[in-house]
Amino acid sequence: MQIESRLHDLGLTLPPPLQAPGGAALPFVAVRIVGERALLSGHGPQAPDGSLAGPFGKVGAGVSPVQAREAARLVALSMLGSLKRALGDLDRIAAWGRVHGMVNAAPGFTDLPGVIHGFSELILAVFGPEVGQHARSAVGLAELPWNIPVEVEAAVLVRQA
């Protein structure tokens, strides 16, 4: 339980499962385990009660880069919550492989990597560089579901239980 102890030391709390807006049915799983790999569906920023966390809108227009970077940190906590429920123990994560960050970007906003740094920095703070280091992309999109500012999907390597 080293990772959960680290989360506690950092004052971080994992949210419960997502409460999709408007009772939307999501016909897929948050985490799909295939062999030694856990594939994580796109996650958005969550509030402590499991709802989507604001602010909502486009980064570089209604949402500041600082707010978006914080939203990316909340996405990391959302993913860790999903992984905890799927794996039972976050210490089973052997390595973060790939992270794909998506930003709901206003026209002309180009600091997409700076926004997704919020996600990467939290993962590295929790897991350290040996396990937490990951390959990453950060792209800007015209829209994201429910007008969230940031969405991230990922793949991690896991140890057998």
Protein backbone atom coordinates (compact mmCIF):
# COMPACT_ATOMS: atom_id res chain seq x y z
CA MET A 1 0.00 0.00 0.00
CA GLN A 2 2.91 2.34 -0.72
CA ILE A 3 1.01 4.33 -3.35
CA GLU A 4 -2.03 4.86 -1.12
CA SER A 5 0.31 5.97 1.66
CA ARG A 6 1.94 8.41 -0.75
CA LEU A 7 -1.50 9.77 -1.76
CA HIS A 8 -2.29 10.28 1.92
CA ASP A 9 1.04 12.02 2.54
CA LEU A 10 0.31 14.38 -0.37
CA GLY A 11 -3.16 15.12 1.00
CA LEU A 12 -4.86 13.61 -2.06
CA THR A 13 -8.21 11.82 -2.08
CA LEU A 14 -9.55 9.63 -4.88
CA PRO A 15 -13.09 10.34 -6.10
CA PRO A 16 -15.84 7.70 -6.31
CA PRO A 17 -17.03 6.40 -9.71
CA LEU A 18 -18.16 9.07 -12.16
CA GLN A 19 -21.73 10.27 -11.93
CA ALA A 20 -22.37 10.98 -15.60
CA PRO A 21 -24.31 14.20 -16.23
CA GLY A 22 -28.02 13.83 -16.89
CA GLY A 23 -27.90 10.13 -16.09
CA ALA A 24 -26.07 9.41 -19.35
CA ALA A 25 -25.35 5.72 -19.88
CA LEU A 26 -21.73 5.02 -20.76
CA PRO A 27 -21.56 1.75 -22.77
CA PHE A 28 -17.91 1.04 -21.97
CA VAL A 29 -15.70 0.41 -18.96
CA ALA A 30 -13.40 2.97 -17.37
CA VAL A 31 -10.56 0.42 -17.21
CA ARG A 32 -10.10 -2.62 -19.46
CA ILE A 33 -7.44 -5.07 -18.31
CA VAL A 34 -5.86 -7.05 -21.14
CA GLY A 35 -3.06 -9.32 -19.95
CA GLU A 36 -0.50 -7.13 -18.20
CA ARG A 37 -1.94 -3.89 -19.56
CA ALA A 38 -4.70 -1.68 -18.19
CA LEU A 39 -6.26 0.54 -20.84
CA LEU A 40 -7.98 3.59 -19.41
CA SER A 41 -10.88 5.21 -21.22
CA GLY A 42 -10.93 8.97 -21.44
CA HIS A 43 -11.44 10.53 -18.01
CA GLY A 44 -12.47 14.07 -17.15
CA PRO A 45 -11.95 16.12 -13.98
CA GLN A 46 -14.04 14.92 -11.05
CA ALA A 47 -15.26 16.62 -7.89
CA PRO A 48 -14.98 14.77 -4.56
CA ASP A 49 -18.63 13.61 -4.86
CA GLY A 50 -18.01 11.89 -8.23
CA SER A 51 -19.62 14.54 -10.42
CA LEU A 52 -17.71 16.34 -13.15
CA ALA A 53 -15.70 19.25 -11.77
CA GLY A 54 -15.76 22.73 -13.28
CA PRO A 55 -14.88 25.11 -14.61
CA PHE A 56 -16.39 24.14 -17.94
CA GLY A 57 -15.56 25.59 -21.32
CA LYS A 58 -12.67 26.29 -23.62
CA VAL A 59 -9.15 26.78 -22.36
CA GLY A 60 -7.91 30.17 -23.46
CA ALA A 61 -11.42 31.66 -23.45
CA GLY A 62 -13.66 30.90 -20.45
CA VAL A 63 -11.13 28.65 -18.67
CA SER A 64 -7.66 29.93 -17.79
CA PRO A 65 -4.54 27.81 -18.38
CA VAL A 66 -4.05 27.65 -14.59
CA GLN A 67 -7.60 26.35 -14.08
CA ALA A 68 -7.11 23.83 -16.89
CA ARG A 69 -3.83 22.60 -15.38
CA GLU A 70 -5.67 22.03 -12.07
CA ALA A 71 -8.43 20.21 -14.00
CA ALA A 72 -5.73 17.93 -15.44
CA ARG A 73 -4.61 17.12 -11.87
CA LEU A 74 -8.22 16.17 -11.06
CA VAL A 75 -8.24 13.92 -14.13
CA ALA A 76 -5.20 12.10 -12.72
CA LEU A 77 -7.04 11.52 -9.43
CA SER A 78 -10.10 10.31 -11.36
CA MET A 79 -7.96 7.78 -13.22
CA LEU A 80 -6.28 6.62 -10.04
CA GLY A 81 -9.71 6.06 -8.51
CA SER A 82 -10.74 3.94 -11.51
CA LEU A 83 -7.48 1.99 -11.35
CA LYS A 84 -7.91 1.38 -7.61
CA ARG A 85 -11.41 -0.05 -8.20
CA ALA A 86 -10.22 -2.20 -11.14
CA LEU A 87 -6.95 -3.47 -9.64
CA GLY A 88 -7.73 -3.44 -5.92
CA ASP A 89 -4.23 -2.14 -5.16
CA LEU A 90 -2.44 0.73 -6.89
CA ASP A 91 0.90 -0.92 -6.06
CA ARG A 92 0.08 -3.35 -8.89
CA ILE A 93 0.94 -0.59 -11.37
CA ALA A 94 4.36 -1.50 -12.75
CA ALA A 95 4.71 1.42 -15.17
CA TRP A 96 2.75 4.22 -16.78
CA GLY A 97 3.16 3.61 -20.50
CA ARG A 98 1.29 6.16 -22.56
CA VAL A 99 -0.81 9.22 -21.77
CA HIS A 100 -2.94 11.01 -24.38
CA GLY A 101 -4.11 14.42 -23.17
CA MET A 102 -6.89 16.34 -24.91
CA VAL A 103 -7.64 20.00 -24.27
CA ASN A 104 -10.90 21.78 -25.14
CA ALA A 105 -8.93 24.61 -26.76
CA ALA A 106 -10.15 28.01 -27.88
CA PRO A 107 -8.89 29.04 -31.33
CA GLY A 108 -5.32 30.23 -31.01
CA PHE A 109 -4.62 28.58 -27.64
CA THR A 110 -1.39 26.62 -28.09
CA ASP A 111 -0.02 25.83 -24.60
CA LEU A 112 -1.59 22.36 -24.70
CA PRO A 113 1.48 20.68 -23.13
CA GLY A 114 1.39 23.15 -20.23
CA VAL A 115 -2.17 22.13 -19.42
CA ILE A 116 -1.43 18.39 -19.51
CA HIS A 117 1.65 18.96 -17.32
CA GLY A 118 -0.83 19.09 -14.40
CA PHE A 119 -1.66 15.43 -15.04
CA SER A 120 1.94 14.33 -15.57
CA GLU A 121 3.27 16.16 -12.52
CA LEU A 122 0.72 14.50 -10.23
CA ILE A 123 1.47 11.02 -11.60
CA LEU A 124 5.20 11.60 -11.16
CA ALA A 125 4.71 12.94 -7.62
CA VAL A 126 2.71 9.87 -6.63
CA PHE A 127 4.67 7.12 -8.42
CA GLY A 128 8.14 8.60 -8.79
CA PRO A 129 10.09 8.65 -12.06
CA GLU A 130 10.77 4.90 -12.30
CA VAL A 131 7.08 3.92 -12.46
CA GLY A 132 5.44 7.26 -13.23
CA GLN A 133 7.48 8.36 -16.26
CA HIS A 134 5.37 8.03 -19.40
CA ALA A 135 5.23 8.76 -23.11
CA ARG A 136 2.71 11.52 -23.77
CA SER A 137 0.89 13.59 -26.32
CA ALA A 138 -1.18 16.74 -25.80
CA VAL A 139 -3.64 17.85 -28.45
CA GLY A 140 -6.21 20.60 -28.77
CA LEU A 141 -9.75 19.73 -29.82
CA ALA A 142 -12.72 21.83 -30.86
CA GLU A 143 -15.01 20.22 -28.25
CA LEU A 144 -14.93 17.70 -25.42
CA PRO A 145 -17.85 15.82 -23.84
CA TRP A 146 -20.00 17.86 -21.43
CA ASN A 147 -17.83 20.90 -22.19
CA ILE A 148 -15.05 19.69 -19.87
CA PRO A 149 -11.73 21.51 -20.35
CA VAL A 150 -9.48 18.42 -20.25
CA GLU A 151 -9.77 14.70 -21.00
CA VAL A 152 -7.00 12.11 -20.71
CA GLU A 153 -6.73 8.46 -21.71
CA ALA A 154 -3.83 6.19 -20.79
CA ALA A 155 -2.26 2.75 -20.75
CA VAL A 156 -0.39 1.30 -17.77
CA LEU A 157 1.46 -1.95 -17.21
CA VAL A 158 0.24 -4.01 -14.26
CA ARG A 159 1.62 -6.81 -12.13
CA GLN A 160 -0.49 -9.92 -11.66
CA ALA A 161 -2.43 -10.04 -8.37
